[in-house]
Each structure stands twice: as structure tokens, then as C-alpha cells.
Amino acid sequence: MEKRRELFKEIDKINEKENNEYGDSDLEELGDGKPIDSEAIEEAVRKIDESN
């Protein structure tokens, strides 16, 4: 039980740091909020094809 409490405290610290850094903005892994257009899709397909 104590290990869970410590884990939750650590998670809260990380979340607080993240909130201070990003505020209401999206995280990098969620993108920068720009709409996706056909060029972006084509570029993503090219990158996927190159990695295979």
C-alpha cells in the first residue's frame, strides 16, 4: 500500500511539472494543433513507407 502512495505522489509531481511547462497547450506527441491536410498525410505515408 505504501508503494502505491509513493507512486501516486511521484505521478502527481510529474503531472504538476508537465502542467507548469505546457499549460493548456498540447504535448508534443499530440501535435501542435494544426489541421491535417493532404500534404501532411502524404508526408506521413512517405515516412512510413521508407521505414519498411
N, C-alpha and C. Protein backbone atom coordinates (compact mmCIF):
# COMPACT_ATOMS: atom_id res chain seq x y z
N MET A 1 0.82 -1.20 0.00
CA MET A 1 0.00 0.00 0.00
C MET A 1 0.87 1.26 0.00
N GLU A 2 1.94 1.24 0.76
CA GLU A 2 2.83 2.40 0.84
C GLU A 2 3.50 2.68 -0.51
N LYS A 3 3.86 1.61 -1.23
CA LYS A 3 4.48 1.79 -2.55
C LYS A 3 3.52 2.49 -3.51
N ARG A 4 2.24 2.16 -3.42
CA ARG A 4 1.26 2.83 -4.28
C ARG A 4 1.17 4.30 -3.96
N ARG A 5 1.16 4.63 -2.68
CA ARG A 5 1.09 6.05 -2.28
C ARG A 5 2.29 6.81 -2.83
N GLU A 6 3.47 6.21 -2.70
CA GLU A 6 4.68 6.85 -3.21
C GLU A 6 4.59 7.02 -4.73
N LEU A 7 4.09 6.00 -5.41
CA LEU A 7 3.95 6.08 -6.86
C LEU A 7 2.98 7.19 -7.24
N PHE A 8 1.84 7.28 -6.56
CA PHE A 8 0.88 8.34 -6.86
C PHE A 8 1.45 9.72 -6.57
N LYS A 9 2.24 9.86 -5.53
CA LYS A 9 2.88 11.14 -5.24
C LYS A 9 3.83 11.52 -6.37
N GLU A 10 4.60 10.55 -6.85
CA GLU A 10 5.54 10.80 -7.95
C GLU A 10 4.78 11.18 -9.22
N ILE A 11 3.69 10.49 -9.50
CA ILE A 11 2.87 10.81 -10.67
C ILE A 11 2.32 12.23 -10.56
N ASP A 12 1.85 12.60 -9.38
CA ASP A 12 1.34 13.96 -9.18
C ASP A 12 2.42 15.01 -9.43
N LYS A 13 3.65 14.74 -8.98
CA LYS A 13 4.76 15.67 -9.21
C LYS A 13 5.03 15.83 -10.70
N ILE A 14 5.05 14.71 -11.41
CA ILE A 14 5.31 14.74 -12.85
C ILE A 14 4.19 15.50 -13.56
N ASN A 15 2.94 15.23 -13.19
CA ASN A 15 1.81 15.93 -13.81
C ASN A 15 1.87 17.43 -13.54
N GLU A 16 2.23 17.80 -12.33
CA GLU A 16 2.33 19.22 -11.99
C GLU A 16 3.42 19.90 -12.82
N LYS A 17 4.55 19.24 -12.95
CA LYS A 17 5.66 19.79 -13.75
C LYS A 17 5.21 19.95 -15.21
N GLU A 18 4.54 18.92 -15.72
CA GLU A 18 4.05 18.97 -17.10
C GLU A 18 3.04 20.10 -17.28
N ASN A 19 2.14 20.27 -16.35
CA ASN A 19 1.15 21.35 -16.43
C ASN A 19 1.82 22.72 -16.38
N ASN A 20 2.84 22.86 -15.56
CA ASN A 20 3.57 24.13 -15.49
C ASN A 20 4.29 24.42 -16.80
N GLU A 21 4.81 23.37 -17.42
CA GLU A 21 5.56 23.55 -18.66
C GLU A 21 4.65 23.81 -19.86
N TYR A 22 3.55 23.08 -19.97
CA TYR A 22 2.70 23.14 -21.15
C TYR A 22 1.44 23.97 -20.97
N GLY A 23 0.99 24.14 -19.76
CA GLY A 23 -0.25 24.87 -19.54
C GLY A 23 -1.40 24.20 -20.26
N ASP A 24 -2.12 24.96 -21.08
CA ASP A 24 -3.25 24.42 -21.83
C ASP A 24 -2.85 23.90 -23.21
N SER A 25 -1.56 23.97 -23.54
CA SER A 25 -1.10 23.51 -24.84
C SER A 25 -1.03 21.99 -24.88
N ASP A 26 -1.08 21.44 -26.10
CA ASP A 26 -0.94 20.01 -26.28
C ASP A 26 0.51 19.59 -26.06
N LEU A 27 0.69 18.36 -25.66
CA LEU A 27 2.02 17.78 -25.58
C LEU A 27 2.53 17.53 -26.99
N GLU A 28 3.86 17.38 -27.12
CA GLU A 28 4.44 17.18 -28.45
C GLU A 28 3.82 15.98 -29.16
N GLU A 29 3.59 14.90 -28.42
CA GLU A 29 3.08 13.70 -29.07
C GLU A 29 1.66 13.85 -29.58
N LEU A 30 0.97 14.90 -29.17
CA LEU A 30 -0.38 15.15 -29.67
C LEU A 30 -0.38 16.12 -30.84
N GLY A 31 0.76 16.63 -31.22
CA GLY A 31 0.85 17.55 -32.33
C GLY A 31 0.75 18.99 -31.86
N ASP A 32 0.83 19.88 -32.81
CA ASP A 32 0.84 21.30 -32.46
C ASP A 32 -0.50 21.97 -32.72
N GLY A 33 -1.53 21.17 -32.93
CA GLY A 33 -2.87 21.73 -33.10
C GLY A 33 -3.20 22.21 -34.50
N LYS A 34 -2.27 22.02 -35.45
CA LYS A 34 -2.55 22.42 -36.82
C LYS A 34 -3.48 21.39 -37.47
N PRO A 35 -4.36 21.85 -38.34
CA PRO A 35 -5.23 20.89 -39.03
C PRO A 35 -4.40 19.98 -39.94
N ILE A 36 -4.89 18.77 -40.14
CA ILE A 36 -4.20 17.82 -41.00
C ILE A 36 -4.72 18.01 -42.41
N ASP A 37 -3.79 18.22 -43.35
CA ASP A 37 -4.17 18.37 -44.73
C ASP A 37 -3.59 17.21 -45.55
N SER A 38 -3.90 17.18 -46.84
CA SER A 38 -3.46 16.07 -47.68
C SER A 38 -1.93 15.99 -47.76
N GLU A 39 -1.26 17.13 -47.74
CA GLU A 39 0.21 17.13 -47.77
C GLU A 39 0.78 16.45 -46.54
N ALA A 40 0.22 16.73 -45.38
CA ALA A 40 0.69 16.11 -44.15
C ALA A 40 0.47 14.60 -44.18
N ILE A 41 -0.65 14.19 -44.73
CA ILE A 41 -0.93 12.75 -44.83
C ILE A 41 0.05 12.09 -45.79
N GLU A 42 0.29 12.72 -46.93
CA GLU A 42 1.24 12.17 -47.91
C GLU A 42 2.64 12.06 -47.30
N GLU A 43 3.05 13.06 -46.56
CA GLU A 43 4.37 13.04 -45.91
C GLU A 43 4.44 11.90 -44.90
N ALA A 44 3.39 11.71 -44.12
CA ALA A 44 3.36 10.62 -43.13
C ALA A 44 3.44 9.27 -43.83
N VAL A 45 2.74 9.12 -44.95
CA VAL A 45 2.78 7.87 -45.71
C VAL A 45 4.18 7.62 -46.25
N ARG A 46 4.83 8.65 -46.77
CA ARG A 46 6.21 8.51 -47.29
C ARG A 46 7.14 8.05 -46.17
N LYS A 47 7.02 8.64 -45.00
CA LYS A 47 7.89 8.26 -43.87
C LYS A 47 7.66 6.81 -43.46
N ILE A 48 6.38 6.40 -43.44
CA ILE A 48 6.07 5.02 -43.09
C ILE A 48 6.63 4.06 -44.14
N ASP A 49 6.44 4.40 -45.42
CA ASP A 49 6.94 3.55 -46.50
C ASP A 49 8.46 3.43 -46.43
N GLU A 50 9.15 4.51 -46.12
CA GLU A 50 10.61 4.48 -46.06
C GLU A 50 11.11 3.62 -44.90
N SER A 51 10.34 3.56 -43.83
CA SER A 51 10.80 2.79 -42.67
C SER A 51 10.56 1.28 -42.85
N ASN A 52 9.78 0.91 -43.84
CA ASN A 52 9.51 -0.53 -44.08
C ASN A 52 10.44 -1.13 -45.05
